N, C-alpha and C. Protein backbone atom coordinates (compact mmCIF):
# COMPACT_ATOMS: atom_id res chain seq x y z
N GLU A 1 -11.27 -13.52 -30.07
CA GLU A 1 -10.73 -12.17 -29.88
C GLU A 1 -11.19 -11.58 -28.54
N GLN A 2 -12.48 -11.74 -28.27
CA GLN A 2 -13.02 -11.22 -27.01
C GLN A 2 -12.43 -11.98 -25.82
N MET A 3 -12.21 -13.28 -26.00
CA MET A 3 -11.65 -14.09 -24.93
C MET A 3 -10.22 -13.64 -24.63
N VAL A 4 -9.46 -13.32 -25.66
CA VAL A 4 -8.08 -12.86 -25.47
C VAL A 4 -8.07 -11.55 -24.70
N LYS A 5 -8.98 -10.66 -25.03
CA LYS A 5 -9.07 -9.37 -24.32
C LYS A 5 -9.41 -9.59 -22.84
N LEU A 6 -10.36 -10.48 -22.59
CA LEU A 6 -10.76 -10.76 -21.21
C LEU A 6 -9.63 -11.42 -20.43
N GLN A 7 -8.91 -12.35 -21.07
CA GLN A 7 -7.78 -12.99 -20.40
C GLN A 7 -6.70 -11.96 -20.06
N SER A 8 -6.46 -11.06 -20.99
CA SER A 8 -5.46 -10.01 -20.77
C SER A 8 -5.88 -9.10 -19.62
N ALA A 9 -7.16 -8.74 -19.59
CA ALA A 9 -7.67 -7.88 -18.51
C ALA A 9 -7.59 -8.61 -17.18
N PHE A 10 -7.89 -9.92 -17.18
CA PHE A 10 -7.83 -10.73 -15.97
C PHE A 10 -6.41 -10.75 -15.41
N GLU A 11 -5.44 -10.97 -16.28
CA GLU A 11 -4.04 -11.00 -15.85
C GLU A 11 -3.57 -9.62 -15.38
N GLU A 12 -4.01 -8.59 -16.06
CA GLU A 12 -3.64 -7.23 -15.68
C GLU A 12 -4.17 -6.88 -14.29
N GLU A 13 -5.40 -7.26 -14.02
CA GLU A 13 -5.98 -7.01 -12.69
C GLU A 13 -5.22 -7.79 -11.62
N GLY A 14 -4.80 -9.01 -11.95
CA GLY A 14 -4.01 -9.81 -11.02
C GLY A 14 -2.70 -9.12 -10.68
N MET A 15 -2.06 -8.53 -11.68
CA MET A 15 -0.80 -7.81 -11.44
C MET A 15 -1.04 -6.57 -10.59
N LYS A 16 -2.15 -5.89 -10.84
CA LYS A 16 -2.50 -4.72 -10.03
C LYS A 16 -2.68 -5.11 -8.57
N ILE A 17 -3.38 -6.21 -8.35
CA ILE A 17 -3.63 -6.68 -6.99
C ILE A 17 -2.32 -6.98 -6.28
N LYS A 18 -1.41 -7.65 -6.97
CA LYS A 18 -0.10 -7.96 -6.39
C LYS A 18 0.66 -6.68 -6.06
N ARG A 19 0.62 -5.71 -6.97
CA ARG A 19 1.32 -4.44 -6.74
C ARG A 19 0.73 -3.71 -5.53
N PHE A 20 -0.61 -3.68 -5.44
CA PHE A 20 -1.25 -3.03 -4.29
C PHE A 20 -0.90 -3.76 -2.99
N THR A 21 -0.81 -5.08 -3.03
CA THR A 21 -0.47 -5.86 -1.84
C THR A 21 0.93 -5.52 -1.36
N VAL A 22 1.88 -5.44 -2.28
CA VAL A 22 3.26 -5.10 -1.92
C VAL A 22 3.32 -3.68 -1.35
N GLN A 23 2.62 -2.75 -2.00
CA GLN A 23 2.61 -1.37 -1.51
C GLN A 23 1.97 -1.28 -0.13
N LEU A 24 0.91 -2.05 0.09
CA LEU A 24 0.25 -2.06 1.40
C LEU A 24 1.19 -2.58 2.48
N GLN A 25 1.89 -3.66 2.18
CA GLN A 25 2.82 -4.22 3.16
C GLN A 25 3.92 -3.21 3.51
N SER A 26 4.42 -2.53 2.51
CA SER A 26 5.47 -1.53 2.74
C SER A 26 4.95 -0.37 3.59
N ALA A 27 3.75 0.10 3.26
CA ALA A 27 3.16 1.21 4.02
C ALA A 27 2.88 0.80 5.46
N GLU A 28 2.41 -0.42 5.66
CA GLU A 28 2.13 -0.89 7.02
C GLU A 28 3.43 -1.00 7.83
N GLN A 29 4.51 -1.42 7.18
CA GLN A 29 5.81 -1.47 7.86
C GLN A 29 6.27 -0.06 8.24
N ASP A 30 6.03 0.92 7.36
CA ASP A 30 6.39 2.30 7.66
C ASP A 30 5.63 2.82 8.88
N VAL A 31 4.33 2.49 8.97
CA VAL A 31 3.53 2.93 10.11
C VAL A 31 4.08 2.31 11.40
N LYS A 32 4.39 1.02 11.35
CA LYS A 32 4.95 0.35 12.54
C LYS A 32 6.29 0.98 12.94
N ARG A 33 7.12 1.26 11.94
CA ARG A 33 8.43 1.85 12.22
C ARG A 33 8.27 3.24 12.84
N CYS A 34 7.34 4.03 12.31
CA CYS A 34 7.10 5.36 12.87
C CYS A 34 6.58 5.26 14.30
N GLY A 35 5.65 4.35 14.53
CA GLY A 35 5.11 4.17 15.88
C GLY A 35 6.17 3.75 16.87
N PHE A 36 7.03 2.83 16.46
CA PHE A 36 8.12 2.38 17.33
C PHE A 36 9.08 3.53 17.61
N THR A 37 9.43 4.29 16.58
CA THR A 37 10.36 5.42 16.75
C THR A 37 9.76 6.48 17.66
N ILE A 38 8.48 6.76 17.50
CA ILE A 38 7.80 7.75 18.35
C ILE A 38 7.84 7.30 19.81
N SER A 39 7.54 6.02 20.05
CA SER A 39 7.55 5.54 21.44
C SER A 39 8.96 5.58 22.03
N GLU A 40 9.97 5.30 21.22
CA GLU A 40 11.35 5.35 21.71
C GLU A 40 11.77 6.79 22.01
N ILE A 41 11.39 7.73 21.15
CA ILE A 41 11.74 9.13 21.38
C ILE A 41 11.04 9.65 22.63
N ASN A 42 9.77 9.25 22.81
CA ASN A 42 9.03 9.68 24.00
C ASN A 42 9.64 9.13 25.29
N SER A 43 10.32 7.99 25.20
CA SER A 43 10.91 7.41 26.40
C SER A 43 12.26 8.05 26.75
N LEU A 44 12.81 8.87 25.85
CA LEU A 44 14.09 9.53 26.12
C LEU A 44 13.90 10.67 27.12
N PRO A 45 14.90 10.91 27.96
CA PRO A 45 14.79 12.04 28.89
C PRO A 45 14.87 13.38 28.15
N GLU A 46 14.27 14.39 28.76
CA GLU A 46 14.30 15.73 28.17
C GLU A 46 15.75 16.22 28.08
N GLY A 47 16.03 17.00 27.06
CA GLY A 47 17.34 17.62 26.93
C GLY A 47 18.38 16.76 26.24
N ILE A 48 18.04 15.54 25.90
CA ILE A 48 19.00 14.68 25.20
C ILE A 48 18.97 15.03 23.71
N ASN A 49 20.12 14.95 23.09
CA ASN A 49 20.20 15.27 21.66
C ASN A 49 19.48 14.20 20.84
N THR A 50 18.68 14.66 19.88
CA THR A 50 18.06 13.75 18.93
C THR A 50 18.54 14.13 17.54
N TYR A 51 18.56 13.15 16.67
CA TYR A 51 19.09 13.35 15.32
C TYR A 51 18.07 12.91 14.28
N LYS A 52 18.11 13.60 13.16
CA LYS A 52 17.21 13.29 12.05
C LYS A 52 18.06 12.87 10.86
N ALA A 53 17.67 11.77 10.23
CA ALA A 53 18.40 11.29 9.05
C ALA A 53 18.02 12.16 7.85
N ILE A 54 19.04 12.68 7.21
CA ILE A 54 18.85 13.46 6.00
C ILE A 54 19.79 12.87 4.96
N GLY A 55 19.22 12.06 4.08
CA GLY A 55 20.06 11.34 3.13
C GLY A 55 20.94 10.37 3.86
N LYS A 56 22.27 10.52 3.67
CA LYS A 56 23.22 9.62 4.33
C LYS A 56 23.81 10.22 5.60
N MET A 57 23.33 11.38 5.98
CA MET A 57 23.90 12.00 7.18
C MET A 57 22.81 12.25 8.22
N PHE A 58 23.25 12.55 9.42
CA PHE A 58 22.33 12.84 10.52
C PHE A 58 22.60 14.25 11.02
N MET A 59 21.50 14.97 11.29
CA MET A 59 21.62 16.32 11.82
C MET A 59 20.85 16.40 13.12
N ILE A 60 21.37 17.20 14.03
CA ILE A 60 20.66 17.40 15.30
C ILE A 60 19.31 18.03 14.99
N ALA A 61 18.28 17.47 15.60
CA ALA A 61 16.93 17.97 15.38
C ALA A 61 16.23 18.13 16.74
N ASP A 62 15.41 19.13 16.83
CA ASP A 62 14.61 19.35 18.03
C ASP A 62 13.67 18.15 18.21
N ARG A 63 13.55 17.71 19.43
CA ARG A 63 12.73 16.53 19.75
C ARG A 63 11.28 16.73 19.31
N GLY A 64 10.73 17.89 19.58
CA GLY A 64 9.35 18.19 19.20
C GLY A 64 9.16 18.18 17.69
N GLU A 65 10.13 18.76 16.99
CA GLU A 65 10.07 18.79 15.53
C GLU A 65 10.16 17.37 14.96
N LEU A 66 11.02 16.58 15.55
CA LEU A 66 11.19 15.20 15.11
C LEU A 66 9.89 14.41 15.32
N LEU A 67 9.27 14.58 16.49
CA LEU A 67 8.00 13.90 16.77
C LEU A 67 6.90 14.36 15.83
N GLU A 68 6.88 15.66 15.56
CA GLU A 68 5.87 16.21 14.65
C GLU A 68 6.04 15.63 13.25
N ASP A 69 7.28 15.56 12.77
CA ASP A 69 7.55 14.99 11.46
C ASP A 69 7.11 13.52 11.39
N LEU A 70 7.42 12.77 12.45
CA LEU A 70 7.05 11.36 12.48
C LEU A 70 5.53 11.17 12.52
N ASN A 71 4.85 12.00 13.31
CA ASN A 71 3.38 11.92 13.37
C ASN A 71 2.75 12.28 12.04
N THR A 72 3.32 13.28 11.35
CA THR A 72 2.82 13.68 10.04
C THR A 72 3.01 12.55 9.04
N LYS A 73 4.21 11.97 9.05
CA LYS A 73 4.49 10.85 8.14
C LYS A 73 3.56 9.68 8.42
N MET A 74 3.33 9.42 9.70
CA MET A 74 2.46 8.31 10.09
C MET A 74 1.03 8.53 9.60
N SER A 75 0.51 9.74 9.77
CA SER A 75 -0.87 10.00 9.33
C SER A 75 -0.98 9.98 7.81
N GLN A 76 0.04 10.48 7.11
CA GLN A 76 0.03 10.43 5.65
C GLN A 76 0.07 8.99 5.15
N THR A 77 0.86 8.17 5.82
CA THR A 77 0.97 6.77 5.43
C THR A 77 -0.33 6.03 5.71
N LYS A 78 -1.00 6.36 6.80
CA LYS A 78 -2.30 5.73 7.10
C LYS A 78 -3.32 6.10 6.03
N THR A 79 -3.29 7.36 5.57
CA THR A 79 -4.18 7.78 4.49
C THR A 79 -3.85 7.02 3.21
N GLU A 80 -2.56 6.85 2.95
CA GLU A 80 -2.12 6.08 1.79
C GLU A 80 -2.60 4.63 1.87
N ILE A 81 -2.56 4.05 3.07
CA ILE A 81 -3.03 2.68 3.27
C ILE A 81 -4.51 2.57 2.95
N ASP A 82 -5.30 3.54 3.40
CA ASP A 82 -6.74 3.53 3.11
C ASP A 82 -6.98 3.56 1.60
N THR A 83 -6.25 4.43 0.91
CA THR A 83 -6.39 4.55 -0.54
C THR A 83 -5.99 3.25 -1.23
N LEU A 84 -4.87 2.66 -0.79
CA LEU A 84 -4.41 1.41 -1.39
C LEU A 84 -5.41 0.28 -1.16
N GLN A 85 -6.00 0.23 0.03
CA GLN A 85 -6.99 -0.81 0.32
C GLN A 85 -8.21 -0.66 -0.59
N LYS A 86 -8.66 0.58 -0.80
CA LYS A 86 -9.80 0.82 -1.69
C LYS A 86 -9.46 0.43 -3.13
N ASN A 87 -8.25 0.80 -3.57
CA ASN A 87 -7.83 0.46 -4.93
C ASN A 87 -7.70 -1.05 -5.11
N LYS A 88 -7.18 -1.73 -4.09
CA LYS A 88 -7.04 -3.19 -4.15
C LYS A 88 -8.41 -3.85 -4.21
N ALA A 89 -9.35 -3.36 -3.39
CA ALA A 89 -10.70 -3.91 -3.39
C ALA A 89 -11.37 -3.71 -4.75
N ARG A 90 -11.16 -2.54 -5.35
CA ARG A 90 -11.72 -2.25 -6.67
C ARG A 90 -11.12 -3.19 -7.71
N ALA A 91 -9.80 -3.39 -7.65
CA ALA A 91 -9.14 -4.29 -8.60
C ALA A 91 -9.62 -5.72 -8.43
N GLU A 92 -9.83 -6.15 -7.18
CA GLU A 92 -10.33 -7.50 -6.93
C GLU A 92 -11.74 -7.66 -7.50
N LYS A 93 -12.57 -6.64 -7.35
CA LYS A 93 -13.94 -6.69 -7.89
C LYS A 93 -13.90 -6.76 -9.41
N GLU A 94 -13.04 -5.93 -10.02
CA GLU A 94 -12.93 -5.95 -11.47
C GLU A 94 -12.41 -7.30 -11.97
N ARG A 95 -11.50 -7.89 -11.21
CA ARG A 95 -10.97 -9.20 -11.60
C ARG A 95 -12.07 -10.26 -11.50
N GLN A 96 -12.88 -10.19 -10.45
CA GLN A 96 -13.99 -11.14 -10.32
C GLN A 96 -14.99 -10.98 -11.46
N ASP A 97 -15.29 -9.73 -11.81
CA ASP A 97 -16.21 -9.47 -12.92
C ASP A 97 -15.65 -10.01 -14.24
N THR A 98 -14.35 -9.80 -14.44
CA THR A 98 -13.71 -10.29 -15.66
C THR A 98 -13.71 -11.81 -15.69
N GLU A 99 -13.47 -12.42 -14.53
CA GLU A 99 -13.49 -13.88 -14.44
C GLU A 99 -14.88 -14.42 -14.76
N ALA A 100 -15.90 -13.76 -14.25
CA ALA A 100 -17.28 -14.18 -14.53
C ALA A 100 -17.58 -14.05 -16.02
N ASN A 101 -17.13 -12.95 -16.62
CA ASN A 101 -17.34 -12.76 -18.06
C ASN A 101 -16.60 -13.82 -18.87
N LEU A 102 -15.40 -14.18 -18.43
CA LEU A 102 -14.64 -15.23 -19.12
C LEU A 102 -15.37 -16.56 -19.04
N ARG A 103 -15.86 -16.89 -17.87
CA ARG A 103 -16.59 -18.15 -17.71
C ARG A 103 -17.84 -18.19 -18.58
N GLU A 104 -18.55 -17.07 -18.59
CA GLU A 104 -19.77 -17.00 -19.39
C GLU A 104 -19.45 -17.15 -20.87
N LEU A 105 -18.40 -16.49 -21.31
CA LEU A 105 -18.00 -16.58 -22.71
C LEU A 105 -17.56 -18.00 -23.05
N PHE A 106 -16.83 -18.62 -22.14
CA PHE A 106 -16.35 -19.99 -22.35
C PHE A 106 -17.53 -20.96 -22.44
N GLN A 107 -18.50 -20.80 -21.54
CA GLN A 107 -19.67 -21.67 -21.56
C GLN A 107 -20.48 -21.47 -22.84
N THR A 108 -20.63 -20.24 -23.26
CA THR A 108 -21.35 -19.94 -24.49
C THR A 108 -20.64 -20.57 -25.69
N TYR A 109 -19.33 -20.50 -25.69
CA TYR A 109 -18.53 -21.05 -26.77
C TYR A 109 -18.71 -22.58 -26.83
N HIS A 110 -18.71 -23.24 -25.67
CA HIS A 110 -18.86 -24.69 -25.64
C HIS A 110 -20.28 -25.14 -26.02
N ARG A 111 -21.27 -24.33 -25.70
CA ARG A 111 -22.64 -24.67 -26.08
C ARG A 111 -22.82 -24.61 -27.59
N GLN A 112 -22.14 -23.61 -28.20
CA GLN A 112 -22.24 -23.44 -29.65
C GLN A 112 -21.38 -24.46 -30.39
N GLY A 113 -20.27 -24.85 -29.75
CA GLY A 113 -19.28 -25.72 -30.40
C GLY A 113 -19.80 -27.08 -30.60
């Protein structure tokens, strides 16, 4: 019974790690996309029309406002990345602890068997 619980916890932690990895990859892509967009907007000449995507349409947006929004999104995403990395590290530690407990239980079982 205890072994089944530990195996279930081990698998659950593995799924958490995979989920955090996918979320991290997505967030890192968002940061790269924001950085690229910011550099492209900065290279545009003053006075040129810039547009902001709102759903499926685009609206004219002030260049400064657009840059501010992108910088805000970038910093929020970086904060999210830090949180995801901490959560992933915690899940990996819990998985290692569960694996150690499983091994110990298995060895104890074989010694008694």
